[in-house]
Amino acid sequence: MAKRPTITDLARASGVSVATVDRVLNNRPGASAANRQRVME
């Protein structure tokens, strides 16, 4: 079984901070629309 990506993996791949990934995944305010799009891709 493949290893699931971590928040750190997502942050590195999308070029944003770990905090930004957390905000996007938990639907919290504080992340721009552009960063939300980058993380979700």
PDB file of N, CA and C in Angstrom:
ATOM      1  N   MET A   1       0.848  -1.170   0.000  1.00  0.00           N
ATOM      2  CA  MET A   1       0.000   0.000   0.000  1.00  0.00           C
ATOM      3  C   MET A   1       0.898   1.239   0.000  1.00  0.00           C
ATOM      4  N   ALA A   2       0.521   2.235  -0.783  1.00  0.00           N
ATOM      5  CA  ALA A   2       1.308   3.456  -0.878  1.00  0.00           C
ATOM      6  C   ALA A   2       1.139   4.308   0.377  1.00  0.00           C
ATOM      7  N   LYS A   3       2.204   5.009   0.721  1.00  0.00           N
ATOM      8  CA  LYS A   3       2.171   5.894   1.882  1.00  0.00           C
ATOM      9  C   LYS A   3       1.344   7.141   1.554  1.00  0.00           C
ATOM     10  N   ARG A   4       0.470   7.525   2.461  1.00  0.00           N
ATOM     11  CA  ARG A   4      -0.348   8.722   2.258  1.00  0.00           C
ATOM     12  C   ARG A   4       0.508   9.972   2.435  1.00  0.00           C
ATOM     13  N   PRO A   5       0.272  11.001   1.632  1.00  0.00           N
ATOM     14  CA  PRO A   5       1.065  12.229   1.777  1.00  0.00           C
ATOM     15  C   PRO A   5       0.732  12.943   3.088  1.00  0.00           C
ATOM     16  N   THR A   6       1.738  13.542   3.680  1.00  0.00           N
ATOM     17  CA  THR A   6       1.553  14.295   4.916  1.00  0.00           C
ATOM     18  C   THR A   6       1.297  15.763   4.592  1.00  0.00           C
ATOM     19  N   ILE A   7       0.937  16.533   5.603  1.00  0.00           N
ATOM     20  CA  ILE A   7       0.748  17.971   5.411  1.00  0.00           C
ATOM     21  C   ILE A   7       2.056  18.599   4.937  1.00  0.00           C
ATOM     22  N   THR A   8       3.175  18.131   5.462  1.00  0.00           N
ATOM     23  CA  THR A   8       4.474  18.648   5.037  1.00  0.00           C
ATOM     24  C   THR A   8       4.716  18.352   3.566  1.00  0.00           C
ATOM     25  N   ASP A   9       4.372  17.155   3.117  1.00  0.00           N
ATOM     26  CA  ASP A   9       4.512  16.801   1.702  1.00  0.00           C
ATOM     27  C   ASP A   9       3.672  17.728   0.828  1.00  0.00           C
ATOM     28  N   LEU A  10       2.438  17.980   1.244  1.00  0.00           N
ATOM     29  CA  LEU A  10       1.554  18.865   0.481  1.00  0.00           C
ATOM     30  C   LEU A  10       2.100  20.287   0.436  1.00  0.00           C
ATOM     31  N   ALA A  11       2.629  20.760   1.554  1.00  0.00           N
ATOM     32  CA  ALA A  11       3.179  22.113   1.604  1.00  0.00           C
ATOM     33  C   ALA A  11       4.366  22.254   0.658  1.00  0.00           C
ATOM     34  N   ARG A  12       5.261  21.280   0.670  1.00  0.00           N
ATOM     35  CA  ARG A  12       6.425  21.325  -0.225  1.00  0.00           C
ATOM     36  C   ARG A  12       6.007  21.281  -1.683  1.00  0.00           C
ATOM     37  N   ALA A  13       5.076  20.414  -2.010  1.00  0.00           N
ATOM     38  CA  ALA A  13       4.646  20.250  -3.402  1.00  0.00           C
ATOM     39  C   ALA A  13       3.922  21.483  -3.928  1.00  0.00           C
ATOM     40  N   SER A  14       3.181  22.168  -3.061  1.00  0.00           N
ATOM     41  CA  SER A  14       2.404  23.320  -3.518  1.00  0.00           C
ATOM     42  C   SER A  14       3.122  24.644  -3.293  1.00  0.00           C
ATOM     43  N   GLY A  15       4.239  24.631  -2.586  1.00  0.00           N
ATOM     44  CA  GLY A  15       5.021  25.850  -2.390  1.00  0.00           C
ATOM     45  C   GLY A  15       4.434  26.806  -1.364  1.00  0.00           C
ATOM     46  N   VAL A  16       3.712  26.273  -0.394  1.00  0.00           N
ATOM     47  CA  VAL A  16       3.137  27.101   0.672  1.00  0.00           C
ATOM     48  C   VAL A  16       3.565  26.531   2.020  1.00  0.00           C
ATOM     49  N   SER A  17       3.203  27.229   3.093  1.00  0.00           N
ATOM     50  CA  SER A  17       3.580  26.768   4.427  1.00  0.00           C
ATOM     51  C   SER A  17       2.655  25.656   4.916  1.00  0.00           C
ATOM     52  N   VAL A  18       3.124  24.962   5.934  1.00  0.00           N
ATOM     53  CA  VAL A  18       2.321  23.917   6.568  1.00  0.00           C
ATOM     54  C   VAL A  18       1.047  24.532   7.148  1.00  0.00           C
ATOM     55  N   ALA A  19       1.157  25.726   7.714  1.00  0.00           N
ATOM     56  CA  ALA A  19      -0.013  26.402   8.292  1.00  0.00           C
ATOM     57  C   ALA A  19      -1.062  26.685   7.225  1.00  0.00           C
ATOM     58  N   THR A  20      -0.615  27.081   6.037  1.00  0.00           N
ATOM     59  CA  THR A  20      -1.556  27.355   4.949  1.00  0.00           C
ATOM     60  C   THR A  20      -2.273  26.084   4.530  1.00  0.00           C
ATOM     61  N   VAL A  21      -1.555  24.988   4.430  1.00  0.00           N
ATOM     62  CA  VAL A  21      -2.185  23.710   4.073  1.00  0.00           C
ATOM     63  C   VAL A  21      -3.221  23.346   5.130  1.00  0.00           C
ATOM     64  N   ASP A  22      -2.885  23.523   6.397  1.00  0.00           N
ATOM     65  CA  ASP A  22      -3.828  23.229   7.480  1.00  0.00           C
ATOM     66  C   ASP A  22      -5.087  24.084   7.354  1.00  0.00           C
ATOM     67  N   ARG A  23      -4.908  25.374   7.068  1.00  0.00           N
ATOM     68  CA  ARG A  23      -6.066  26.273   6.914  1.00  0.00           C
ATOM     69  C   ARG A  23      -6.963  25.827   5.769  1.00  0.00           C
ATOM     70  N   VAL A  24      -6.357  25.443   4.659  1.00  0.00           N
ATOM     71  CA  VAL A  24      -7.142  25.020   3.492  1.00  0.00           C
ATOM     72  C   VAL A  24      -7.891  23.726   3.789  1.00  0.00           C
ATOM     73  N   LEU A  25      -7.198  22.738   4.325  1.00  0.00           N
ATOM     74  CA  LEU A  25      -7.815  21.433   4.558  1.00  0.00           C
ATOM     75  C   LEU A  25      -8.922  21.485   5.606  1.00  0.00           C
ATOM     76  N   ASN A  26      -8.792  22.405   6.565  1.00  0.00           N
ATOM     77  CA  ASN A  26      -9.794  22.517   7.626  1.00  0.00           C
ATOM     78  C   ASN A  26     -10.774  23.658   7.385  1.00  0.00           C
ATOM     79  N   ASN A  27     -10.709  24.233   6.177  1.00  0.00           N
ATOM     80  CA  ASN A  27     -11.637  25.292   5.753  1.00  0.00           C
ATOM     81  C   ASN A  27     -11.669  26.459   6.732  1.00  0.00           C
ATOM     82  N   ARG A  28     -10.477  26.882   7.163  1.00  0.00           N
ATOM     83  CA  ARG A  28     -10.355  28.017   8.075  1.00  0.00           C
ATOM     84  C   ARG A  28     -10.012  29.276   7.284  1.00  0.00           C
ATOM     85  N   PRO A  29     -10.353  30.446   7.818  1.00  0.00           N
ATOM     86  CA  PRO A  29      -9.983  31.686   7.132  1.00  0.00           C
ATOM     87  C   PRO A  29      -8.479  31.928   7.223  1.00  0.00           C
ATOM     88  N   GLY A  30      -7.972  32.772   6.337  1.00  0.00           N
ATOM     89  CA  GLY A  30      -6.565  33.153   6.403  1.00  0.00           C
ATOM     90  C   GLY A  30      -5.743  32.691   5.229  1.00  0.00           C
ATOM     91  N   ALA A  31      -6.316  31.925   4.323  1.00  0.00           N
ATOM     92  CA  ALA A  31      -5.598  31.490   3.123  1.00  0.00           C
ATOM     93  C   ALA A  31      -6.247  32.153   1.915  1.00  0.00           C
ATOM     94  N   SER A  32      -5.414  32.707   1.037  1.00  0.00           N
ATOM     95  CA  SER A  32      -5.953  33.369  -0.151  1.00  0.00           C
ATOM     96  C   SER A  32      -6.565  32.342  -1.100  1.00  0.00           C
ATOM     97  N   ALA A  33      -7.386  32.838  -1.998  1.00  0.00           N
ATOM     98  CA  ALA A  33      -8.020  31.956  -2.986  1.00  0.00           C
ATOM     99  C   ALA A  33      -6.966  31.282  -3.860  1.00  0.00           C
ATOM    100  N   ALA A  34      -5.911  32.012  -4.190  1.00  0.00           N
ATOM    101  CA  ALA A  34      -4.841  31.445  -5.021  1.00  0.00           C
ATOM    102  C   ALA A  34      -4.142  30.302  -4.287  1.00  0.00           C
ATOM    103  N   ASN A  35      -3.852  30.501  -3.009  1.00  0.00           N
ATOM    104  CA  ASN A  35      -3.199  29.441  -2.235  1.00  0.00           C
ATOM    105  C   ASN A  35      -4.130  28.254  -2.031  1.00  0.00           C
ATOM    106  N   ARG A  36      -5.404  28.512  -1.837  1.00  0.00           N
ATOM    107  CA  ARG A  36      -6.362  27.405  -1.709  1.00  0.00           C
ATOM    108  C   ARG A  36      -6.341  26.549  -2.973  1.00  0.00           C
ATOM    109  N   GLN A  37      -6.317  27.207  -4.120  1.00  0.00           N
ATOM    110  CA  GLN A  37      -6.291  26.490  -5.398  1.00  0.00           C
ATOM    111  C   GLN A  37      -5.012  25.671  -5.534  1.00  0.00           C
ATOM    112  N   ARG A  38      -3.869  26.251  -5.160  1.00  0.00           N
ATOM    113  CA  ARG A  38      -2.584  25.547  -5.265  1.00  0.00           C
ATOM    114  C   ARG A  38      -2.570  24.284  -4.416  1.00  0.00           C
ATOM    115  N   VAL A  39      -3.092  24.389  -3.208  1.00  0.00           N
ATOM    116  CA  VAL A  39      -3.097  23.231  -2.303  1.00  0.00           C
ATOM    117  C   VAL A  39      -4.040  22.151  -2.819  1.00  0.00           C
ATOM    118  N   MET A  40      -5.200  22.543  -3.301  1.00  0.00           N
ATOM    119  CA  MET A  40      -6.195  21.564  -3.728  1.00  0.00           C
ATOM    120  C   MET A  40      -5.807  20.845  -5.020  1.00  0.00           C
ATOM    121  N   GLU A  41      -4.924  21.442  -5.805  1.00  0.00           N
ATOM    122  CA  GLU A  41      -4.465  20.763  -7.027  1.00  0.00           C
ATOM    123  C   GLU A  41      -3.547  19.636  -6.650  1.00  0.00           C
TER     124      GLU A  41
END
